[in-house]
């Protein structure tokens, strides 16, 4: 009997958040950025910049809003998809999105941990029905993983529970500004989940 081997195709994902990295902008404008299959924004970027990336790279762009994203509207960023509190499928990947930061002054896109936990609980049946998740994208980090102790930059305890219960392959967030010398400096592995701080930008192969 002849056996046919099927090679799995790795998807290349550009992830961005928090500030515009000029080196990325230059590579996009000069068309020297390596081809990507998908763009993901983890928040706190101008909607016009997301539209720019979507237009120039001509690839789908999924986003969640950060605590400073107050100018977004249903039509802006153009051509991009808000996946807050949604579970979507992209090719072979199941991706979940959750916006905002921990509540600290009552501004937009801020949630108490109780509110975030309720939001995640409301998605629990969909997660079970679709067989789990490969990637979670958020603005804020999980509590005690990449986060800080000032009120604004504390992570969500409910994200820790989500990782523990659903064990996504990747948990990608922004919000915590930091410089990284290598890609591996961005990653903390929790069980089987790679928690990645994408502040600025990074490129993943999944």
N, C-alpha and C. Protein backbone atom coordinates (compact mmCIF):
# COMPACT_ATOMS: atom_id res chain seq x y z
N UNK A 1 0.85 -1.19 0.00
CA UNK A 1 0.00 0.00 0.00
C UNK A 1 0.89 1.25 0.00
N UNK A 2 0.57 2.19 -0.87
CA UNK A 2 1.37 3.41 -0.96
C UNK A 2 0.91 4.41 0.10
N UNK A 3 1.88 4.97 0.82
CA UNK A 3 1.57 5.96 1.85
C UNK A 3 1.90 7.35 1.35
N UNK A 4 0.96 8.27 1.47
CA UNK A 4 1.19 9.66 1.06
C UNK A 4 1.46 10.51 2.29
N UNK A 5 2.58 11.20 2.30
CA UNK A 5 2.93 12.07 3.41
C UNK A 5 2.42 13.48 3.11
N UNK A 6 1.71 14.07 4.07
CA UNK A 6 1.19 15.42 3.90
C UNK A 6 2.03 16.37 4.75
N UNK A 7 2.65 17.34 4.09
CA UNK A 7 3.48 18.30 4.81
C UNK A 7 2.61 19.42 5.36
N UNK A 8 2.82 19.73 6.63
CA UNK A 8 2.06 20.83 7.23
C UNK A 8 2.74 22.15 6.85
N UNK A 9 1.92 23.16 6.53
CA UNK A 9 2.43 24.46 6.11
C UNK A 9 2.46 25.39 7.31
N UNK A 10 3.62 25.97 7.58
CA UNK A 10 3.71 26.94 8.67
C UNK A 10 3.17 28.28 8.19
N UNK A 11 2.42 28.91 9.07
CA UNK A 11 1.87 30.24 8.77
C UNK A 11 2.76 31.29 9.42
N UNK A 12 3.02 32.35 8.68
CA UNK A 12 3.85 33.44 9.20
C UNK A 12 2.93 34.59 9.60
N UNK A 13 3.06 35.03 10.85
CA UNK A 13 2.17 36.06 11.39
C UNK A 13 2.99 37.26 11.87
N UNK A 14 2.64 38.45 11.40
CA UNK A 14 3.20 39.70 11.90
C UNK A 14 2.31 40.19 13.03
N UNK A 15 2.88 40.37 14.22
CA UNK A 15 2.12 40.89 15.35
C UNK A 15 2.70 42.25 15.78
N UNK A 16 1.81 43.19 16.09
CA UNK A 16 2.21 44.56 16.43
C UNK A 16 1.43 45.05 17.64
N UNK A 17 1.98 46.03 18.34
CA UNK A 17 1.23 46.70 19.41
C UNK A 17 2.00 47.90 19.94
N UNK A 18 1.28 48.83 20.52
CA UNK A 18 1.77 49.89 21.42
C UNK A 18 2.52 51.06 20.79
N UNK A 19 3.46 50.80 19.91
CA UNK A 19 4.14 51.92 19.25
C UNK A 19 4.59 51.49 17.86
N UNK A 20 4.75 52.50 16.99
CA UNK A 20 5.16 52.23 15.62
C UNK A 20 6.67 52.07 15.57
N UNK A 21 7.13 50.93 15.14
CA UNK A 21 8.55 50.67 14.95
C UNK A 21 8.92 51.14 13.55
N UNK A 22 9.76 52.16 13.47
CA UNK A 22 10.10 52.76 12.18
C UNK A 22 10.78 51.77 11.24
N UNK A 23 11.50 50.82 11.80
CA UNK A 23 12.17 49.84 10.94
C UNK A 23 11.15 48.96 10.23
N UNK A 24 10.05 48.64 10.93
CA UNK A 24 8.98 47.88 10.29
C UNK A 24 8.31 48.71 9.20
N UNK A 25 7.99 49.97 9.51
CA UNK A 25 7.35 50.84 8.53
C UNK A 25 8.19 50.95 7.27
N UNK A 26 9.49 51.11 7.44
CA UNK A 26 10.39 51.24 6.29
C UNK A 26 10.39 49.97 5.44
N UNK A 27 10.42 48.82 6.10
CA UNK A 27 10.42 47.55 5.37
C UNK A 27 9.10 47.33 4.63
N UNK A 28 8.00 47.78 5.24
CA UNK A 28 6.70 47.66 4.57
C UNK A 28 6.66 48.58 3.36
N UNK A 29 7.10 49.83 3.52
CA UNK A 29 7.08 50.80 2.42
C UNK A 29 8.02 50.39 1.29
N UNK A 30 9.18 49.83 1.64
CA UNK A 30 10.17 49.42 0.63
C UNK A 30 9.89 48.03 0.07
N UNK A 31 8.87 47.36 0.61
CA UNK A 31 8.50 46.01 0.19
C UNK A 31 9.64 45.01 0.39
N UNK A 32 10.36 45.20 1.50
CA UNK A 32 11.44 44.28 1.85
C UNK A 32 11.09 43.38 3.02
N UNK A 33 9.87 43.55 3.58
CA UNK A 33 9.44 42.67 4.66
C UNK A 33 9.13 41.30 4.08
N UNK A 34 9.59 40.26 4.76
CA UNK A 34 9.29 38.91 4.32
C UNK A 34 7.79 38.70 4.27
N UNK A 35 7.30 37.94 3.30
CA UNK A 35 5.84 37.75 3.16
C UNK A 35 5.23 37.14 4.43
N UNK A 36 4.06 37.64 4.81
CA UNK A 36 3.33 37.10 5.96
C UNK A 36 1.95 36.65 5.49
N UNK A 37 1.33 35.77 6.29
CA UNK A 37 -0.01 35.27 5.97
C UNK A 37 -1.10 36.04 6.69
N UNK A 38 -0.75 36.66 7.83
CA UNK A 38 -1.75 37.30 8.68
C UNK A 38 -1.07 38.39 9.50
N UNK A 39 -1.84 39.46 9.81
CA UNK A 39 -1.37 40.54 10.68
C UNK A 39 -2.29 40.58 11.90
N UNK A 40 -1.69 40.70 13.07
CA UNK A 40 -2.44 40.78 14.33
C UNK A 40 -1.98 42.02 15.10
N UNK A 41 -2.94 42.83 15.57
CA UNK A 41 -2.61 43.96 16.43
C UNK A 41 -3.16 43.73 17.83
N UNK A 42 -2.30 43.91 18.82
CA UNK A 42 -2.68 43.74 20.23
C UNK A 42 -2.95 45.08 20.92
N UNK A 43 -3.23 46.12 20.13
CA UNK A 43 -3.74 47.36 20.72
C UNK A 43 -2.77 48.51 20.86
N UNK A 44 -3.36 49.69 21.13
CA UNK A 44 -2.66 50.95 21.33
C UNK A 44 -1.85 51.37 20.11
N UNK A 45 -2.47 51.23 18.95
CA UNK A 45 -1.91 51.75 17.70
C UNK A 45 -3.00 52.52 16.97
N UNK A 46 -2.63 53.59 16.31
CA UNK A 46 -3.61 54.39 15.58
C UNK A 46 -4.32 53.55 14.53
N UNK A 47 -5.63 53.72 14.38
CA UNK A 47 -6.35 52.93 13.38
C UNK A 47 -5.80 53.14 11.97
N UNK A 48 -5.30 54.34 11.68
CA UNK A 48 -4.74 54.60 10.35
C UNK A 48 -3.50 53.75 10.10
N UNK A 49 -2.75 53.46 11.13
CA UNK A 49 -1.56 52.62 10.95
C UNK A 49 -1.95 51.18 10.63
N UNK A 50 -3.00 50.69 11.29
CA UNK A 50 -3.46 49.34 10.98
C UNK A 50 -3.97 49.28 9.53
N UNK A 51 -4.68 50.32 9.09
CA UNK A 51 -5.15 50.36 7.71
C UNK A 51 -3.97 50.37 6.74
N UNK A 52 -2.92 51.08 7.10
CA UNK A 52 -1.70 51.13 6.28
C UNK A 52 -1.09 49.74 6.14
N UNK A 53 -0.96 49.02 7.24
CA UNK A 53 -0.40 47.67 7.19
C UNK A 53 -1.29 46.75 6.36
N UNK A 54 -2.59 46.83 6.59
CA UNK A 54 -3.54 45.99 5.86
C UNK A 54 -3.47 46.27 4.36
N UNK A 55 -3.38 47.53 3.99
CA UNK A 55 -3.36 47.91 2.58
C UNK A 55 -2.05 47.54 1.90
N UNK A 56 -0.94 47.86 2.53
CA UNK A 56 0.36 47.63 1.90
C UNK A 56 0.73 46.15 1.83
N UNK A 57 0.41 45.39 2.87
CA UNK A 57 0.76 43.97 2.89
C UNK A 57 -0.31 43.10 2.24
N UNK A 58 -1.51 43.66 2.08
CA UNK A 58 -2.62 42.97 1.42
C UNK A 58 -2.90 41.60 2.05
N UNK A 59 -2.95 41.59 3.37
CA UNK A 59 -3.26 40.38 4.12
C UNK A 59 -4.32 40.69 5.18
N UNK A 60 -5.07 39.70 5.63
CA UNK A 60 -6.07 39.97 6.68
C UNK A 60 -5.41 40.54 7.94
N UNK A 61 -6.10 41.45 8.59
CA UNK A 61 -5.61 42.01 9.85
C UNK A 61 -6.70 41.89 10.90
N UNK A 62 -6.40 41.19 11.99
CA UNK A 62 -7.29 41.05 13.14
C UNK A 62 -6.73 41.89 14.28
N UNK A 63 -7.61 42.52 15.06
CA UNK A 63 -7.11 43.36 16.15
C UNK A 63 -8.02 43.28 17.37
N UNK A 64 -7.41 43.63 18.52
CA UNK A 64 -8.15 43.99 19.72
C UNK A 64 -7.69 45.38 20.13
N UNK A 65 -8.56 46.11 20.81
CA UNK A 65 -8.22 47.48 21.20
C UNK A 65 -7.47 47.51 22.54
N UNK A 66 -6.57 48.48 22.67
CA UNK A 66 -5.89 48.73 23.93
C UNK A 66 -6.60 49.81 24.72
N UNK A 67 -6.09 50.12 25.88
CA UNK A 67 -6.73 51.11 26.75
C UNK A 67 -6.60 52.53 26.21
N UNK A 68 -5.73 52.77 25.23
CA UNK A 68 -5.60 54.11 24.64
C UNK A 68 -6.28 54.23 23.28
N UNK A 69 -6.93 53.17 22.82
CA UNK A 69 -7.56 53.20 21.50
C UNK A 69 -8.97 53.77 21.60
N UNK A 70 -9.07 55.10 21.51
CA UNK A 70 -10.35 55.77 21.70
C UNK A 70 -10.92 56.32 20.39
N UNK A 71 -10.18 56.20 19.27
CA UNK A 71 -10.64 56.75 17.99
C UNK A 71 -11.14 55.68 17.03
N UNK A 72 -11.20 54.43 17.48
CA UNK A 72 -11.65 53.35 16.60
C UNK A 72 -13.16 53.46 16.38
N UNK A 73 -13.60 53.04 15.20
CA UNK A 73 -15.02 53.02 14.86
C UNK A 73 -15.30 51.79 14.02
N UNK A 74 -16.57 51.46 13.75
CA UNK A 74 -16.86 50.28 12.93
C UNK A 74 -16.21 50.33 11.55
N UNK A 75 -15.93 51.54 11.04
CA UNK A 75 -15.33 51.66 9.70
C UNK A 75 -13.86 52.05 9.73
N UNK A 76 -13.28 52.18 10.89
CA UNK A 76 -11.88 52.61 11.01
C UNK A 76 -11.23 51.86 12.17
N UNK A 77 -10.22 51.04 11.95
CA UNK A 77 -9.36 50.94 10.78
C UNK A 77 -10.02 50.22 9.60
N UNK A 78 -9.76 50.75 8.41
CA UNK A 78 -10.38 50.26 7.19
C UNK A 78 -9.87 48.86 6.85
N UNK A 79 -10.79 47.97 6.57
CA UNK A 79 -10.43 46.64 6.09
C UNK A 79 -9.93 45.68 7.15
N UNK A 80 -10.01 46.08 8.42
CA UNK A 80 -9.49 45.26 9.52
C UNK A 80 -10.65 44.70 10.34
N UNK A 81 -10.42 43.63 11.06
CA UNK A 81 -11.50 42.94 11.79
C UNK A 81 -11.23 42.95 13.29
N UNK A 82 -12.19 43.50 14.04
CA UNK A 82 -12.13 43.50 15.50
C UNK A 82 -12.59 42.12 16.00
N UNK A 83 -11.73 41.42 16.72
CA UNK A 83 -12.10 40.08 17.19
C UNK A 83 -12.25 40.02 18.71
N UNK A 84 -12.52 41.17 19.33
CA UNK A 84 -12.76 41.17 20.78
C UNK A 84 -13.94 40.28 21.13
N UNK A 85 -13.74 39.40 22.12
CA UNK A 85 -14.77 38.48 22.62
C UNK A 85 -15.30 37.57 21.52
N UNK A 86 -14.44 37.25 20.55
CA UNK A 86 -14.81 36.35 19.46
C UNK A 86 -13.79 35.22 19.34
N UNK A 87 -14.25 34.13 18.78
CA UNK A 87 -13.39 33.01 18.42
C UNK A 87 -13.53 32.83 16.92
N UNK A 88 -12.44 33.05 16.18
CA UNK A 88 -12.51 33.00 14.73
C UNK A 88 -11.54 31.95 14.19
N UNK A 89 -11.78 31.54 12.97
CA UNK A 89 -10.92 30.56 12.31
C UNK A 89 -10.17 31.26 11.18
N UNK A 90 -8.85 31.07 11.15
CA UNK A 90 -8.04 31.53 10.02
C UNK A 90 -7.21 30.35 9.54
N UNK A 91 -7.54 29.87 8.36
CA UNK A 91 -6.92 28.66 7.83
C UNK A 91 -7.07 27.55 8.88
N UNK A 92 -5.97 27.01 9.39
CA UNK A 92 -6.07 25.92 10.37
C UNK A 92 -6.08 26.42 11.81
N UNK A 93 -5.99 27.74 12.01
CA UNK A 93 -5.85 28.30 13.36
C UNK A 93 -7.16 28.80 13.93
N UNK A 94 -7.41 28.49 15.20
CA UNK A 94 -8.53 29.05 15.94
C UNK A 94 -7.97 30.13 16.87
N UNK A 95 -8.47 31.36 16.69
CA UNK A 95 -7.90 32.53 17.36
C UNK A 95 -8.98 33.23 18.18
N UNK A 96 -8.65 33.53 19.44
CA UNK A 96 -9.56 34.21 20.37
C UNK A 96 -9.00 35.59 20.70
N UNK A 97 -9.86 36.60 20.79
CA UNK A 97 -9.41 37.95 21.09
C UNK A 97 -10.10 38.55 22.31
N UNK A 98 -9.34 39.31 23.11
CA UNK A 98 -9.88 40.02 24.28
C UNK A 98 -9.18 41.37 24.41
N UNK A 99 -9.97 42.44 24.40
CA UNK A 99 -9.39 43.78 24.38
C UNK A 99 -9.11 44.31 25.78
N UNK A 100 -8.43 45.47 25.81
CA UNK A 100 -8.37 46.32 27.00
C UNK A 100 -7.40 45.94 28.08
N UNK A 101 -7.39 46.78 29.10
CA UNK A 101 -6.51 46.62 30.26
C UNK A 101 -7.35 46.45 31.52
N UNK A 102 -6.66 46.20 32.62
CA UNK A 102 -7.31 46.17 33.92
C UNK A 102 -7.87 47.56 34.24
N UNK A 103 -8.99 47.63 34.96
CA UNK A 103 -9.58 48.92 35.33
C UNK A 103 -8.63 49.69 36.24
N UNK A 104 -8.39 50.97 35.88
CA UNK A 104 -7.54 51.79 36.75
C UNK A 104 -8.02 53.22 36.93
N UNK A 105 -8.74 53.79 35.94
CA UNK A 105 -9.28 55.14 36.15
C UNK A 105 -10.64 55.34 35.50
N UNK A 106 -11.26 54.26 35.04
CA UNK A 106 -12.59 54.36 34.47
C UNK A 106 -12.64 54.77 33.02
N UNK A 107 -11.49 54.78 32.34
CA UNK A 107 -11.45 55.14 30.93
C UNK A 107 -11.98 54.03 30.04
N UNK A 108 -11.90 54.26 28.74
CA UNK A 108 -12.40 53.30 27.77
C UNK A 108 -11.55 52.03 27.75
N UNK A 109 -12.19 50.93 27.40
CA UNK A 109 -11.51 49.64 27.21
C UNK A 109 -10.77 49.19 28.47
N UNK A 110 -11.39 49.45 29.63
CA UNK A 110 -10.85 48.99 30.91
C UNK A 110 -11.87 48.07 31.57
N UNK A 111 -11.38 47.01 32.19
CA UNK A 111 -12.28 46.02 32.79
C UNK A 111 -11.74 45.56 34.14
N UNK A 112 -12.65 45.31 35.07
CA UNK A 112 -12.23 44.63 36.29
C UNK A 112 -11.96 43.17 35.95
N UNK A 113 -11.26 42.48 36.81
CA UNK A 113 -11.00 41.07 36.54
C UNK A 113 -12.31 40.28 36.56
N UNK A 114 -13.25 40.70 37.39
CA UNK A 114 -14.55 40.04 37.44
C UNK A 114 -15.27 40.17 36.08
N UNK A 115 -15.21 41.36 35.50
CA UNK A 115 -15.84 41.58 34.19
C UNK A 115 -15.18 40.74 33.10
N UNK A 116 -13.86 40.67 33.13
CA UNK A 116 -13.15 39.88 32.13
C UNK A 116 -13.45 38.39 32.31
N UNK A 117 -13.50 37.95 33.54
CA UNK A 117 -13.82 36.54 33.81
C UNK A 117 -15.22 36.21 33.27
N UNK A 118 -16.18 37.10 33.46
CA UNK A 118 -17.54 36.89 32.97
C UNK A 118 -17.56 36.82 31.44
N UNK A 119 -16.75 37.68 30.81
CA UNK A 119 -16.67 37.70 29.36
C UNK A 119 -16.13 36.37 28.81
N UNK A 120 -15.07 35.88 29.45
CA UNK A 120 -14.47 34.61 29.04
C UNK A 120 -15.44 33.46 29.28
N UNK A 121 -16.13 33.49 30.42
CA UNK A 121 -17.11 32.44 30.73
C UNK A 121 -18.20 32.39 29.68
N UNK A 122 -18.57 33.54 29.14
CA UNK A 122 -19.59 33.60 28.11
C UNK A 122 -19.16 32.96 26.80
N UNK A 123 -17.84 32.77 26.64
CA UNK A 123 -17.30 32.15 25.42
C UNK A 123 -16.97 30.67 25.64
N UNK A 124 -17.16 30.18 26.87
CA UNK A 124 -16.68 28.84 27.22
C UNK A 124 -17.30 27.76 26.35
N UNK A 125 -18.62 27.87 26.06
CA UNK A 125 -19.28 26.84 25.25
C UNK A 125 -18.73 26.83 23.83
N UNK A 126 -18.50 28.01 23.26
CA UNK A 126 -17.93 28.09 21.91
C UNK A 126 -16.54 27.48 21.86
N UNK A 127 -15.75 27.72 22.90
CA UNK A 127 -14.40 27.15 22.97
C UNK A 127 -14.47 25.63 23.03
N UNK A 128 -15.41 25.12 23.83
CA UNK A 128 -15.56 23.67 23.93
C UNK A 128 -16.05 23.08 22.61
N UNK A 129 -17.05 23.74 22.00
CA UNK A 129 -17.67 23.23 20.77
C UNK A 129 -16.67 23.20 19.62
N UNK A 130 -15.78 24.18 19.57
CA UNK A 130 -14.82 24.25 18.47
C UNK A 130 -13.50 23.54 18.78
N UNK A 131 -13.45 22.89 19.93
CA UNK A 131 -12.27 22.06 20.22
C UNK A 131 -11.06 22.82 20.71
N UNK A 132 -11.30 23.95 21.38
CA UNK A 132 -10.17 24.68 21.97
C UNK A 132 -9.67 25.82 21.09
N UNK A 133 -8.49 26.33 21.42
CA UNK A 133 -7.92 27.48 20.72
C UNK A 133 -6.42 27.28 20.51
N UNK A 134 -5.93 27.84 19.42
CA UNK A 134 -4.49 27.81 19.15
C UNK A 134 -3.80 29.09 19.64
N UNK A 135 -4.48 30.23 19.43
CA UNK A 135 -3.86 31.52 19.76
C UNK A 135 -4.88 32.40 20.49
N UNK A 136 -4.45 33.01 21.59
CA UNK A 136 -5.22 34.05 22.25
C UNK A 136 -4.49 35.36 22.05
N UNK A 137 -5.19 36.39 21.59
CA UNK A 137 -4.57 37.72 21.49
C UNK A 137 -5.30 38.68 22.43
N UNK A 138 -4.53 39.41 23.20
CA UNK A 138 -5.08 40.35 24.17
C UNK A 138 -4.23 41.62 24.14
N UNK A 139 -4.71 42.67 24.81
CA UNK A 139 -3.85 43.84 25.00
C UNK A 139 -3.03 43.65 26.27
N UNK A 140 -3.70 43.37 27.38
CA UNK A 140 -3.01 43.21 28.66
C UNK A 140 -2.43 41.81 28.81
N UNK A 141 -1.42 41.65 29.65
CA UNK A 141 -0.85 40.33 29.91
C UNK A 141 -1.62 39.58 31.00
N UNK A 142 -1.31 38.32 31.20
CA UNK A 142 -1.83 37.60 32.37
C UNK A 142 -1.16 38.14 33.64
N UNK A 143 -1.83 37.99 34.77
CA UNK A 143 -1.26 38.45 36.05
C UNK A 143 0.00 37.66 36.38
N UNK A 144 1.04 38.40 36.79
CA UNK A 144 2.34 37.87 37.19
C UNK A 144 3.11 37.21 36.04
N UNK A 145 2.69 37.47 34.80
CA UNK A 145 3.45 37.01 33.63
C UNK A 145 3.66 38.23 32.74
N UNK A 146 4.84 38.78 32.75
CA UNK A 146 5.19 39.97 31.96
C UNK A 146 4.56 41.26 32.48
N UNK A 147 3.71 41.21 33.52
CA UNK A 147 3.01 42.43 33.92
C UNK A 147 3.83 43.24 34.91
N UNK A 148 3.24 44.30 35.46
CA UNK A 148 3.90 45.17 36.43
C UNK A 148 2.99 45.34 37.64
N UNK A 149 3.48 46.03 38.66
CA UNK A 149 2.74 46.16 39.90
C UNK A 149 1.95 47.47 40.02
N UNK A 150 2.18 48.44 39.11
CA UNK A 150 1.32 49.62 39.15
C UNK A 150 -0.05 49.24 38.60
N UNK A 151 -1.08 49.91 39.09
CA UNK A 151 -2.45 49.49 38.80
C UNK A 151 -2.74 49.38 37.30
N UNK A 152 -2.26 50.33 36.52
CA UNK A 152 -2.55 50.35 35.09
C UNK A 152 -2.00 49.12 34.37
N UNK A 153 -0.85 48.63 34.81
CA UNK A 153 -0.15 47.58 34.07
C UNK A 153 -0.21 46.20 34.72
N UNK A 154 -1.09 46.03 35.70
CA UNK A 154 -1.31 44.69 36.23
C UNK A 154 -2.04 43.84 35.19
N UNK A 155 -1.73 42.56 35.17
CA UNK A 155 -2.40 41.65 34.26
C UNK A 155 -3.68 41.09 34.86
N UNK A 156 -4.39 40.27 34.10
CA UNK A 156 -5.66 39.68 34.52
C UNK A 156 -5.45 38.27 35.07
N UNK A 157 -5.97 38.03 36.26
CA UNK A 157 -5.98 36.68 36.83
C UNK A 157 -6.80 35.74 35.94
N UNK A 158 -7.86 36.27 35.34
CA UNK A 158 -8.71 35.44 34.48
C UNK A 158 -7.96 34.93 33.26
N UNK A 159 -6.93 35.63 32.82
CA UNK A 159 -6.10 35.15 31.71
C UNK A 159 -5.26 33.95 32.14
N UNK A 160 -4.82 33.97 33.40
CA UNK A 160 -4.04 32.83 33.92
C UNK A 160 -4.92 31.58 33.92
N UNK A 161 -6.16 31.74 34.35
CA UNK A 161 -7.10 30.61 34.36
C UNK A 161 -7.38 30.12 32.95
N UNK A 162 -7.51 31.06 32.01
CA UNK A 162 -7.75 30.69 30.62
C UNK A 162 -6.60 29.84 30.07
N UNK A 163 -5.37 30.25 30.36
CA UNK A 163 -4.20 29.48 29.92
C UNK A 163 -4.19 28.10 30.56
N UNK A 164 -4.49 28.07 31.86
CA UNK A 164 -4.47 26.80 32.59
C UNK A 164 -5.53 25.82 32.08
N UNK A 165 -6.71 26.34 31.77
CA UNK A 165 -7.82 25.47 31.38
C UNK A 165 -7.79 25.09 29.91
N UNK A 166 -7.45 26.03 29.04
CA UNK A 166 -7.56 25.81 27.59
C UNK A 166 -6.22 25.54 26.90
N UNK A 167 -5.13 25.88 27.55
CA UNK A 167 -3.79 25.58 27.05
C UNK A 167 -3.57 25.94 25.58
N UNK A 168 -3.77 27.20 25.23
CA UNK A 168 -3.49 27.60 23.84
C UNK A 168 -1.99 27.45 23.54
N UNK A 169 -1.67 27.31 22.27
CA UNK A 169 -0.25 27.23 21.90
C UNK A 169 0.46 28.55 22.15
N UNK A 170 -0.25 29.65 21.84
CA UNK A 170 0.33 30.99 21.99
C UNK A 170 -0.66 31.92 22.68
N UNK A 171 -0.14 32.76 23.56
CA UNK A 171 -0.90 33.84 24.19
C UNK A 171 -0.11 35.11 23.91
N UNK A 172 -0.65 35.98 23.04
CA UNK A 172 0.11 37.14 22.55
C UNK A 172 -0.53 38.41 23.07
N UNK A 173 0.27 39.27 23.69
CA UNK A 173 -0.25 40.51 24.29
C UNK A 173 0.69 41.68 24.01
N UNK A 174 0.24 42.87 24.38
CA UNK A 174 1.05 44.08 24.32
C UNK A 174 1.08 44.74 25.69
N UNK A 175 0.88 46.10 25.69
CA UNK A 175 0.64 46.88 26.91
C UNK A 175 1.90 47.14 27.75
N UNK A 176 2.79 46.17 27.85
CA UNK A 176 3.99 46.34 28.68
C UNK A 176 5.15 46.75 27.77
N UNK A 177 5.54 48.02 27.86
CA UNK A 177 6.59 48.55 26.99
C UNK A 177 7.96 48.07 27.47
N UNK A 178 8.68 47.49 26.57
CA UNK A 178 9.99 46.96 26.92
C UNK A 178 10.82 46.76 25.66
N UNK A 179 12.14 46.91 25.79
CA UNK A 179 13.03 46.64 24.66
C UNK A 179 13.53 45.21 24.76
N UNK A 180 13.61 44.56 23.61
CA UNK A 180 14.04 43.16 23.57
C UNK A 180 15.24 43.02 22.64
N UNK A 181 16.25 42.30 23.10
CA UNK A 181 17.43 42.08 22.26
C UNK A 181 17.21 40.93 21.29
N UNK A 182 16.45 39.92 21.73
CA UNK A 182 16.18 38.76 20.88
C UNK A 182 14.71 38.41 20.97
N UNK A 183 14.23 37.64 20.00
CA UNK A 183 12.84 37.20 20.02
C UNK A 183 12.55 36.36 21.26
N UNK A 184 13.49 35.54 21.67
CA UNK A 184 13.27 34.66 22.82
C UNK A 184 13.10 35.45 24.12
N UNK A 185 13.62 36.68 24.18
CA UNK A 185 13.45 37.52 25.36
C UNK A 185 11.98 37.91 25.58
N UNK A 186 11.17 37.83 24.53
CA UNK A 186 9.77 38.20 24.60
C UNK A 186 8.90 37.09 25.19
N UNK A 187 9.45 35.89 25.32
CA UNK A 187 8.63 34.71 25.58
C UNK A 187 8.83 34.16 26.98
N UNK A 188 7.73 33.85 27.65
CA UNK A 188 7.74 33.03 28.86
C UNK A 188 6.84 31.84 28.57
N UNK A 189 7.34 30.64 28.82
CA UNK A 189 6.54 29.44 28.57
C UNK A 189 5.83 29.03 29.86
N UNK A 190 4.52 28.91 29.78
CA UNK A 190 3.68 28.52 30.92
C UNK A 190 3.00 27.20 30.54
N UNK A 191 3.48 26.10 31.13
CA UNK A 191 2.98 24.79 30.70
C UNK A 191 3.37 24.57 29.26
N UNK A 192 2.39 24.41 28.38
CA UNK A 192 2.66 24.24 26.95
C UNK A 192 2.39 25.51 26.16
N UNK A 193 2.07 26.61 26.86
CA UNK A 193 1.71 27.88 26.20
C UNK A 193 2.89 28.84 26.18
N UNK A 194 3.16 29.41 25.01
CA UNK A 194 4.17 30.46 24.90
C UNK A 194 3.48 31.82 25.04
N UNK A 195 3.80 32.53 26.11
CA UNK A 195 3.25 33.86 26.34
C UNK A 195 4.23 34.87 25.75
N UNK A 196 3.77 35.67 24.77
CA UNK A 196 4.66 36.54 24.00
C UNK A 196 4.24 38.00 24.15
N UNK A 197 5.19 38.84 24.54
CA UNK A 197 4.98 40.29 24.56
C UNK A 197 5.38 40.83 23.19
N UNK A 198 4.40 41.28 22.41
CA UNK A 198 4.68 41.75 21.05
C UNK A 198 4.86 43.24 20.95
N UNK A 199 5.13 43.93 22.05
CA UNK A 199 5.33 45.37 22.05
C UNK A 199 6.27 45.77 20.91
N UNK A 200 5.85 46.72 20.07
CA UNK A 200 6.59 47.04 18.86
C UNK A 200 6.10 46.12 17.77
N UNK A 201 6.91 45.12 17.41
CA UNK A 201 6.43 44.11 16.47
C UNK A 201 7.31 42.86 16.58
N UNK A 202 6.75 41.77 16.16
CA UNK A 202 7.51 40.53 16.01
C UNK A 202 6.86 39.69 14.93
N UNK A 203 7.58 38.71 14.44
CA UNK A 203 7.06 37.79 13.42
C UNK A 203 7.16 36.37 13.95
N UNK A 204 6.04 35.66 13.88
CA UNK A 204 5.96 34.28 14.38
C UNK A 204 5.72 33.32 13.22
N UNK A 205 6.28 32.15 13.34
CA UNK A 205 5.92 31.05 12.45
C UNK A 205 5.20 30.00 13.28
N UNK A 206 3.95 29.70 12.93
CA UNK A 206 3.15 28.78 13.75
C UNK A 206 2.64 27.65 12.88
